[in-house]
N, C-alpha and C. Protein backbone atom coordinates (compact mmCIF):
# COMPACT_ATOMS: atom_id res chain seq x y z
N MET A 1 83.15 29.83 5.24
CA MET A 1 82.42 28.27 5.94
C MET A 1 81.17 27.90 5.27
N LEU A 2 81.60 27.01 4.61
CA LEU A 2 80.39 26.14 3.73
C LEU A 2 79.02 26.18 4.73
N GLY A 3 77.73 26.65 3.63
CA GLY A 3 76.33 26.12 4.22
C GLY A 3 75.98 25.24 4.25
N ARG A 4 74.81 24.50 4.75
CA ARG A 4 74.30 23.32 4.53
C ARG A 4 74.08 22.88 3.10
N GLU A 5 73.76 23.48 2.24
CA GLU A 5 73.47 23.04 0.91
C GLU A 5 74.95 22.32 0.30
N HIS A 6 75.88 22.81 0.70
CA HIS A 6 77.34 22.04 0.15
C HIS A 6 77.88 20.84 0.97
N ILE A 7 77.07 20.45 1.98
CA ILE A 7 76.98 19.01 2.38
C ILE A 7 76.25 18.01 1.14
N PRO A 8 77.38 17.10 0.62
CA PRO A 8 76.84 16.26 -0.32
C PRO A 8 75.43 15.23 0.28
N GLY A 9 75.40 14.72 1.03
CA GLY A 9 73.76 13.95 1.00
C GLY A 9 72.84 15.36 1.01
N ARG A 10 72.79 16.18 1.58
CA ARG A 10 72.08 17.45 1.41
C ARG A 10 71.51 17.52 0.19
N ARG A 11 72.71 17.72 -1.02
CA ARG A 11 72.68 18.09 -2.31
C ARG A 11 72.05 17.38 -3.02
N LEU A 12 71.98 15.91 -2.52
CA LEU A 12 71.05 15.06 -2.88
C LEU A 12 70.06 15.01 -2.83
N ALA A 13 69.54 15.11 -1.90
CA ALA A 13 68.29 15.43 -1.23
C ALA A 13 67.54 16.81 -2.07
N VAL A 14 68.32 17.92 -1.89
CA VAL A 14 67.56 19.13 -2.69
C VAL A 14 67.65 18.88 -3.96
N ALA A 15 68.75 18.11 -4.54
CA ALA A 15 68.52 17.84 -6.08
C ALA A 15 67.40 16.95 -6.30
N GLY A 16 66.72 16.11 -5.26
CA GLY A 16 65.76 15.31 -5.56
C GLY A 16 64.26 16.49 -5.69
N ARG A 17 64.05 17.67 -4.73
CA ARG A 17 63.20 18.37 -4.67
C ARG A 17 63.38 18.95 -5.78
N GLN A 18 64.63 19.87 -6.16
CA GLN A 18 64.72 20.63 -7.43
C GLN A 18 64.16 19.94 -8.85
N GLN A 19 64.61 18.81 -8.74
CA GLN A 19 63.71 18.08 -9.93
C GLN A 19 62.07 17.95 -10.19
N VAL A 20 61.70 17.76 -9.00
CA VAL A 20 60.30 18.00 -8.42
C VAL A 20 59.78 19.26 -9.37
N ALA A 21 61.03 20.07 -9.14
CA ALA A 21 60.52 21.52 -9.47
C ALA A 21 60.46 22.09 -10.65
N GLY A 22 61.55 20.72 -11.45
CA GLY A 22 61.85 21.03 -12.84
C GLY A 22 62.92 21.38 -13.03
N ALA A 23 63.76 21.73 -12.06
CA ALA A 23 65.04 22.17 -12.14
C ALA A 23 66.39 21.68 -12.79
N GLN A 24 66.91 22.55 -13.57
CA GLN A 24 68.56 21.67 -14.22
C GLN A 24 69.38 21.55 -12.92
N LEU A 25 69.69 19.89 -13.36
CA LEU A 25 70.81 19.29 -12.03
C LEU A 25 72.35 19.50 -12.65
N PRO A 26 73.54 19.63 -12.10
CA PRO A 26 74.23 19.05 -12.48
C PRO A 26 74.98 17.92 -13.04
N ALA A 27 75.56 17.28 -13.75
CA ALA A 27 76.00 15.92 -13.64
C ALA A 27 76.42 15.48 -12.53
N PHE A 28 77.27 15.48 -11.43
CA PHE A 28 77.65 14.81 -10.53
C PHE A 28 77.30 15.98 -8.98
N VAL A 29 77.31 15.17 -8.28
CA VAL A 29 76.73 16.20 -7.04
C VAL A 29 77.60 17.22 -6.91
N ARG A 30 78.78 17.49 -7.04
CA ARG A 30 80.06 18.89 -6.75
C ARG A 30 80.16 19.64 -8.54
N ALA A 31 79.29 19.59 -9.03
CA ALA A 31 79.15 19.98 -10.55
C ALA A 31 79.29 19.35 -11.62
N LEU A 32 80.47 19.30 -12.04
CA LEU A 32 81.04 18.66 -13.51
C LEU A 32 81.52 17.39 -13.58
N GLN A 33 82.83 17.14 -12.81
CA GLN A 33 83.41 16.34 -12.74
C GLN A 33 82.71 15.31 -11.07
N ALA A 34 82.99 13.98 -11.29
CA ALA A 34 82.60 12.76 -10.29
C ALA A 34 83.77 13.18 -9.62
N SER A 35 83.10 13.37 -7.65
CA SER A 35 84.26 12.84 -6.77
C SER A 35 83.50 12.15 -5.80
N LEU A 36 84.28 11.93 -4.43
CA LEU A 36 84.23 10.94 -3.91
C LEU A 36 82.99 10.90 -3.21
N ALA A 37 82.52 12.01 -3.20
CA ALA A 37 80.74 12.11 -2.84
C ALA A 37 80.02 11.28 -3.68
N ASP A 38 80.21 11.58 -5.02
CA ASP A 38 79.36 10.99 -5.81
C ASP A 38 79.27 9.37 -5.15
N PHE A 39 80.77 8.96 -5.34
CA PHE A 39 80.64 6.97 -5.44
C PHE A 39 80.45 6.96 -3.77
N ALA A 40 80.55 7.72 -2.98
CA ALA A 40 79.92 7.07 -1.45
C ALA A 40 79.17 7.85 -1.55
N MET A 41 77.66 8.41 -2.17
CA MET A 41 76.17 8.56 -2.08
C MET A 41 76.10 7.26 -2.87
N ALA A 42 76.59 6.88 -4.14
CA ALA A 42 75.88 6.23 -5.16
C ALA A 42 75.90 4.55 -4.09
N HIS A 43 76.56 4.60 -3.22
CA HIS A 43 76.13 3.03 -2.83
C HIS A 43 75.47 2.67 -2.35
N PRO A 44 74.45 3.69 -1.12
CA PRO A 44 73.74 3.49 -1.01
C PRO A 44 72.36 3.51 -2.18
N LEU A 45 72.20 3.98 -2.63
CA LEU A 45 71.33 3.80 -3.80
C LEU A 45 71.33 2.73 -4.60
N TRP A 46 72.86 2.41 -4.84
CA TRP A 46 72.44 1.19 -5.71
C TRP A 46 72.39 0.09 -4.79
N PHE A 47 72.47 -0.07 -3.49
CA PHE A 47 71.72 -1.23 -2.79
C PHE A 47 70.20 -0.97 -2.87
N LEU A 48 69.61 -0.06 -2.67
CA LEU A 48 67.96 0.49 -2.57
C LEU A 48 67.23 -0.11 -4.21
N ARG A 49 68.19 0.23 -5.02
CA ARG A 49 67.71 -0.22 -6.15
C ARG A 49 68.00 -1.48 -6.52
N GLY A 50 68.61 -2.96 -5.67
CA GLY A 50 68.20 -3.86 -5.48
C GLY A 50 67.69 -5.00 -5.57
N THR A 51 66.72 -4.21 -5.13
CA THR A 51 65.20 -5.28 -4.89
C THR A 51 64.15 -4.13 -5.40
N PRO A 52 63.61 -4.75 -6.01
CA PRO A 52 61.75 -4.28 -6.01
C PRO A 52 61.03 -3.61 -5.23
N VAL A 53 61.07 -4.20 -4.25
CA VAL A 53 60.47 -2.95 -2.81
C VAL A 53 61.25 -1.91 -2.93
N THR A 54 62.28 -1.44 -2.72
CA THR A 54 63.37 -0.18 -2.80
C THR A 54 63.54 0.30 -3.79
N ALA A 55 63.40 -0.28 -5.06
CA ALA A 55 64.13 0.37 -6.08
C ALA A 55 63.08 2.21 -6.48
N PRO A 56 61.70 1.69 -5.94
CA PRO A 56 61.22 3.07 -6.71
C PRO A 56 61.26 4.10 -6.08
N LEU A 57 62.42 3.88 -4.88
CA LEU A 57 62.75 4.86 -3.64
C LEU A 57 63.74 5.60 -4.41
N VAL A 58 64.33 5.14 -5.62
CA VAL A 58 65.31 5.86 -6.54
C VAL A 58 64.46 5.95 -7.69
N ASP A 59 64.00 5.22 -8.56
CA ASP A 59 63.55 5.17 -9.57
C ASP A 59 61.95 6.46 -9.81
N GLN A 60 61.71 6.98 -9.04
CA GLN A 60 60.76 8.02 -8.80
C GLN A 60 61.07 9.19 -8.71
N TYR A 61 62.46 9.34 -9.22
CA TYR A 61 63.23 10.36 -9.33
C TYR A 61 63.64 10.69 -10.36
N PRO A 62 63.65 11.07 -11.87
CA PRO A 62 64.43 10.29 -13.17
C PRO A 62 65.65 10.81 -12.60
N ALA A 63 65.65 12.27 -12.69
CA ALA A 63 67.03 13.03 -12.46
C ALA A 63 68.55 12.33 -11.66
N VAL A 64 68.19 12.26 -10.46
CA VAL A 64 68.33 11.72 -9.44
C VAL A 64 68.91 9.55 -10.05
N ALA A 65 68.25 9.10 -10.35
CA ALA A 65 68.14 7.87 -11.27
C ALA A 65 69.70 8.05 -12.26
N ALA A 66 69.16 9.29 -12.93
CA ALA A 66 69.90 9.46 -13.94
C ALA A 66 71.71 9.80 -13.51
N TRP A 67 71.65 10.61 -12.49
CA TRP A 67 73.04 10.55 -11.94
C TRP A 67 73.52 9.39 -11.44
N LEU A 68 73.07 8.36 -11.10
CA LEU A 68 73.13 7.27 -10.46
C LEU A 68 73.45 6.63 -11.58
N GLY A 69 72.85 6.29 -12.58
CA GLY A 69 73.93 5.83 -14.07
C GLY A 69 74.79 6.24 -14.40
N ARG A 70 74.64 7.68 -14.20
CA ARG A 70 76.33 8.43 -14.39
C ARG A 70 77.68 7.67 -14.00
N VAL A 71 77.41 7.91 -12.30
CA VAL A 71 77.83 7.26 -11.68
C VAL A 71 78.48 6.00 -11.89
N LEU A 72 77.27 5.24 -11.53
CA LEU A 72 77.83 3.51 -11.82
C LEU A 72 78.47 2.95 -13.39
N GLY A 73 78.29 4.12 -14.07
CA GLY A 73 78.89 3.73 -15.28
C GLY A 73 80.26 3.81 -15.74
N PHE A 74 81.17 4.45 -14.73
CA PHE A 74 82.38 4.31 -13.98
C PHE A 74 82.93 2.95 -14.51
N GLY A 75 81.73 2.10 -14.01
CA GLY A 75 82.20 0.59 -13.23
C GLY A 75 83.28 0.26 -12.86
N HIS A 76 83.90 -0.83 -12.65
CA HIS A 76 84.72 -1.64 -11.92
C HIS A 76 86.03 -1.83 -12.66
N GLY A 77 86.42 -0.95 -13.79
CA GLY A 77 87.83 -1.46 -14.27
C GLY A 77 87.93 -2.72 -15.31
N SER A 78 89.14 -3.02 -15.69
CA SER A 78 89.51 -4.25 -16.56
C SER A 78 90.04 -5.06 -15.40
N HIS A 79 89.70 -6.50 -15.31
CA HIS A 79 90.79 -7.07 -14.88
C HIS A 79 91.24 -8.62 -16.01
N SER A 80 92.66 -8.86 -15.40
CA SER A 80 92.57 -10.08 -15.97
C SER A 80 93.86 -11.11 -15.34
N GLU A 81 93.15 -12.14 -15.90
CA GLU A 81 93.90 -13.15 -14.37
C GLU A 81 95.73 -13.48 -14.72
N MET A 82 96.03 -13.39 -13.74
CA MET A 82 97.52 -13.39 -13.91
C MET A 82 97.90 -14.42 -12.26
N SER A 83 99.04 -14.92 -12.30
CA SER A 83 99.80 -15.88 -11.07
C SER A 83 100.14 -15.17 -10.56
N GLY A 84 100.43 -15.53 -9.29
CA GLY A 84 101.49 -14.65 -8.20
C GLY A 84 102.65 -14.13 -8.51
N GLU A 85 103.09 -15.13 -9.64
CA GLU A 85 104.64 -15.07 -9.79
C GLU A 85 104.38 -13.90 -11.11
N GLU A 86 103.45 -13.86 -11.74
CA GLU A 86 103.37 -12.67 -12.54
C GLU A 86 103.14 -11.51 -12.37
N ALA A 87 102.47 -11.56 -10.81
CA ALA A 87 101.91 -9.70 -10.30
C ALA A 87 103.43 -10.12 -9.67
N MET A 88 104.14 -10.36 -9.08
CA MET A 88 105.41 -10.29 -8.72
C MET A 88 106.70 -9.26 -9.28
N ALA A 89 106.04 -9.95 -10.86
CA ALA A 89 107.40 -9.58 -11.67
C ALA A 89 106.82 -8.23 -12.35
N ILE A 90 105.49 -8.22 -12.37
CA ILE A 90 104.89 -6.50 -12.83
C ILE A 90 105.30 -5.51 -11.60
N ALA A 91 105.32 -6.01 -10.52
CA ALA A 91 105.63 -5.05 -9.45
C ALA A 91 107.52 -4.66 -9.55
N ARG A 92 108.06 -5.67 -9.63
CA ARG A 92 109.37 -5.85 -9.65
C ARG A 92 109.83 -4.81 -10.39
N GLU A 93 109.42 -4.89 -12.03
CA GLU A 93 109.46 -4.15 -12.98
C GLU A 93 109.14 -2.98 -13.07
N ALA A 94 108.19 -2.34 -12.29
CA ALA A 94 107.37 -1.00 -12.24
C ALA A 94 108.29 -0.01 -11.77
N THR A 95 108.09 1.31 -11.88
CA THR A 95 108.88 2.10 -11.74
C THR A 95 107.74 3.15 -10.89
N PRO A 96 108.13 3.70 -9.86
CA PRO A 96 106.82 4.29 -9.04
C PRO A 96 106.34 5.26 -9.24
N ALA A 97 105.62 5.81 -9.27
CA ALA A 97 104.89 6.94 -9.82
C ALA A 97 105.93 8.43 -9.04
N GLU A 98 105.61 9.34 -10.21
CA GLU A 98 106.19 10.95 -9.36
C GLU A 98 105.68 11.27 -7.96
N LEU A 99 106.13 11.66 -6.86
CA LEU A 99 105.54 11.91 -5.38
C LEU A 99 104.44 13.35 -5.98
N PRO A 100 103.81 13.71 -5.05
CA PRO A 100 102.98 14.55 -5.14
C PRO A 100 104.08 16.16 -5.02
N ASP A 101 103.95 17.33 -5.32
CA ASP A 101 104.73 18.15 -4.94
C ASP A 101 104.33 18.93 -3.85
N GLU A 102 103.66 18.62 -3.41
CA GLU A 102 102.84 19.09 -2.04
C GLU A 102 104.11 18.89 -0.98
N ALA A 103 104.35 20.22 -0.13
CA ALA A 103 105.20 20.11 1.23
C ALA A 103 105.13 18.67 2.25
N LEU A 104 106.01 18.52 2.81
CA LEU A 104 105.78 17.36 3.75
C LEU A 104 105.32 18.39 5.03
N ILE A 105 104.40 17.44 5.84
CA ILE A 105 103.75 18.28 7.00
C ILE A 105 104.03 17.11 8.30
N ASP A 106 103.18 17.40 8.91
CA ASP A 106 103.74 17.11 10.95
C ASP A 106 105.26 16.94 11.22
N GLY A 107 106.17 17.13 10.55
CA GLY A 107 107.53 17.77 11.11
C GLY A 107 107.89 16.19 11.19
N PHE A 108 107.76 15.00 10.35
CA PHE A 108 108.52 14.46 9.91
C PHE A 108 109.52 14.66 8.38
N ALA A 109 110.69 13.76 8.33
CA ALA A 109 111.47 14.11 7.39
C ALA A 109 112.03 12.95 6.15
N PRO A 110 112.01 13.46 5.00
CA PRO A 110 111.68 12.05 4.07
C PRO A 110 112.72 11.49 4.60
N GLY A 111 112.72 10.06 4.17
CA GLY A 111 113.35 9.42 4.20
C GLY A 111 113.34 8.65 5.91
N GLN A 112 112.31 9.30 6.71
CA GLN A 112 112.49 8.78 7.97
C GLN A 112 111.79 7.52 8.01
N ARG A 113 112.13 6.72 9.08
CA ARG A 113 111.88 5.26 9.08
C ARG A 113 110.36 5.30 10.28
N VAL A 114 109.20 4.86 9.69
CA VAL A 114 108.06 4.85 10.36
C VAL A 114 107.72 3.96 10.14
N ALA A 115 105.84 3.78 11.18
CA ALA A 115 105.31 3.11 10.93
C ALA A 115 103.80 3.53 10.73
N ILE A 116 103.14 2.74 10.02
CA ILE A 116 102.22 3.84 9.44
C ILE A 116 100.52 2.59 10.17
N ALA A 117 99.49 2.66 10.70
CA ALA A 117 98.85 1.69 10.89
C ALA A 117 97.14 2.32 10.82
N ALA A 118 96.35 1.38 10.79
CA ALA A 118 95.02 2.22 10.80
C ALA A 118 94.52 2.32 12.44
N ILE A 119 93.59 3.24 12.83
CA ILE A 119 93.47 3.52 14.22
C ILE A 119 91.79 2.42 14.30
N ASP A 120 91.27 1.89 13.46
CA ASP A 120 90.02 1.55 13.85
C ASP A 120 90.18 0.00 13.64
N TYR A 121 90.35 -0.41 12.63
CA TYR A 121 90.64 -2.33 12.31
C TYR A 121 91.61 -2.40 11.21
N GLY A 122 92.37 -3.84 11.73
CA GLY A 122 93.42 -3.97 10.71
C GLY A 122 94.43 -3.43 11.12
N VAL A 123 94.69 -3.23 12.70
CA VAL A 123 95.63 -1.88 13.23
C VAL A 123 97.61 -2.76 13.01
N ASP A 124 97.31 -3.87 12.73
CA ASP A 124 99.19 -4.23 12.06
C ASP A 124 99.78 -3.08 11.50
N PRO A 125 101.13 -2.41 11.57
CA PRO A 125 101.56 -1.55 11.15
C PRO A 125 102.24 -1.83 10.19
N VAL A 126 102.36 -1.16 9.08
CA VAL A 126 103.48 -1.00 7.75
C VAL A 126 104.57 -0.64 8.10
N GLU A 127 105.68 -1.06 7.76
CA GLU A 127 106.99 -0.06 8.24
C GLU A 127 107.66 0.27 7.11
N GLY A 128 108.29 1.53 6.92
CA GLY A 128 108.89 1.44 5.66
C GLY A 128 109.54 2.65 5.67
N ASP A 129 110.10 3.43 4.63
CA ASP A 129 110.52 5.12 4.94
C ASP A 129 109.57 6.00 4.22
N LEU A 130 109.66 7.04 5.13
CA LEU A 130 108.52 8.14 4.98
C LEU A 130 108.75 8.70 3.25
N LEU A 131 107.90 8.71 2.24
CA LEU A 131 108.46 9.60 1.13
C LEU A 131 107.41 10.77 1.36
N PHE A 132 105.94 10.73 1.84
CA PHE A 132 105.54 11.60 1.59
C PHE A 132 104.13 11.68 2.55
N SER A 133 104.11 12.97 3.53
CA SER A 133 103.31 12.73 4.28
C SER A 133 102.33 14.33 3.90
N GLY A 134 100.85 14.06 3.13
CA GLY A 134 100.59 14.99 2.91
C GLY A 134 99.10 15.24 3.60
N ARG A 135 98.43 16.51 3.66
CA ARG A 135 97.11 16.41 4.02
C ARG A 135 96.29 15.24 3.85
N GLU A 136 96.09 14.54 2.44
CA GLU A 136 95.19 13.67 1.97
C GLU A 136 95.52 12.53 2.91
N GLU A 137 97.26 11.77 2.16
CA GLU A 137 97.79 11.12 2.16
C GLU A 137 99.14 10.85 2.80
N LEU A 138 99.78 9.54 2.60
CA LEU A 138 100.94 9.20 3.58
C LEU A 138 101.14 7.94 2.42
N ILE A 139 102.38 8.62 1.58
CA ILE A 139 103.47 7.14 1.39
C ILE A 139 104.82 6.52 1.60
N LEU A 140 104.80 5.38 1.75
CA LEU A 140 105.86 4.57 2.19
C LEU A 140 106.37 3.92 1.10
N ARG A 141 107.98 3.87 1.52
CA ARG A 141 108.95 3.05 0.71
C ARG A 141 108.86 2.22 1.21
N ARG A 142 109.16 0.85 0.34
CA ARG A 142 109.20 -0.31 0.99
C ARG A 142 110.25 -1.25 0.08
N GLU A 143 110.84 -2.04 0.39
CA GLU A 143 111.63 -3.23 -0.32
C GLU A 143 111.32 -4.00 0.12
N ASP A 144 111.05 -5.05 -0.96
CA ASP A 144 110.74 -6.28 -0.72
C ASP A 144 111.60 -7.44 -1.74
N PRO A 145 112.60 -8.49 -1.03
CA PRO A 145 113.36 -8.98 -2.24
C PRO A 145 112.38 -9.76 -3.58
N ARG A 146 111.33 -9.99 -3.55
CA ARG A 146 110.06 -10.69 -4.75
C ARG A 146 109.73 -9.45 -5.74
N ALA A 147 108.85 -8.31 -4.39
CA ALA A 147 108.42 -7.34 -5.03
C ALA A 147 109.36 -5.88 -5.38
N GLY A 148 110.29 -6.05 -5.23
CA GLY A 148 111.57 -4.77 -5.66
C GLY A 148 110.97 -3.36 -4.72
N VAL A 149 111.21 -2.49 -4.82
CA VAL A 149 110.72 -1.16 -4.47
C VAL A 149 109.10 -0.95 -4.82
N VAL A 150 108.38 -0.53 -4.00
CA VAL A 150 107.43 -0.32 -3.73
C VAL A 150 107.02 0.82 -3.34
N HIS A 151 105.87 1.78 -3.27
CA HIS A 151 105.23 3.05 -2.77
C HIS A 151 104.15 2.79 -2.77
N VAL A 152 103.58 2.47 -1.03
CA VAL A 152 102.45 2.06 -0.25
C VAL A 152 101.54 3.62 -0.10
N HIS A 153 100.59 3.17 -0.70
CA HIS A 153 99.70 5.32 -0.36
C HIS A 153 98.79 4.14 0.70
N PHE A 154 98.87 5.23 1.77
CA PHE A 154 97.45 5.36 3.10
C PHE A 154 96.97 6.26 2.84
N PRO A 155 95.21 6.53 2.55
CA PRO A 155 94.61 7.67 3.59
C PRO A 155 95.13 8.49 4.60
N ARG A 156 95.02 9.57 4.59
CA ARG A 156 95.59 10.03 5.81
C ARG A 156 94.49 10.06 7.19
N MET A 157 93.28 9.83 6.79
CA MET A 157 92.16 9.78 7.53
C MET A 157 92.30 8.46 7.83
N GLY A 158 91.85 8.11 9.32
CA GLY A 158 91.76 6.95 10.11
C GLY A 158 93.31 6.04 10.00
N PHE A 159 94.63 6.87 9.66
CA PHE A 159 95.32 6.21 9.98
C PHE A 159 96.60 6.54 11.24
N ARG A 160 97.47 6.45 11.19
CA ARG A 160 98.26 7.21 12.67
C ARG A 160 99.86 6.68 11.99
N ILE A 161 100.48 7.77 12.22
CA ILE A 161 101.65 7.39 11.75
C ILE A 161 103.12 7.79 13.19
N GLU A 162 103.87 7.01 13.32
CA GLU A 162 104.46 7.21 14.44
C GLU A 162 106.22 6.68 13.62
N ALA A 163 107.08 7.70 13.77
CA ALA A 163 108.63 7.49 14.35
C ALA A 163 109.07 6.02 14.51
N HIS A 164 109.84 5.68 13.59
CA HIS A 164 110.40 4.19 14.09
C HIS A 164 112.06 4.24 14.24
């Protein structure tokens, strides 16, 4: 069982205290690679930095501010303008990525017809053939006359799956 020091929010608070003490900090919350914890914790700090009134709450800790800079440095990716028809053509011509090697869980069979829906909002189910049911994600195969075969990925947390 992990101790309290392994809770991401607590780790950032500890980082602030360690910085005051002059300790060397890792590049990211969980070590040398960014994780979901980094991006989840960066969002509220980014928000605090957005106004002159609250920015000092982050900026008074240079190591935390440097960490935030590293996380925000990932940016938003790149995009290009395209029409809906162009997007559909790209989807239709694309080959879905390979499935994870992890074994299926939950007793569902590959190819089984299922519906997946969020449990809190946007609860309209999406139907398709189950390709993957892992610890952290679900993948459905759907076929659309305009987009062709697509694999739709859902996070495991916050979604339910039902046989159809």
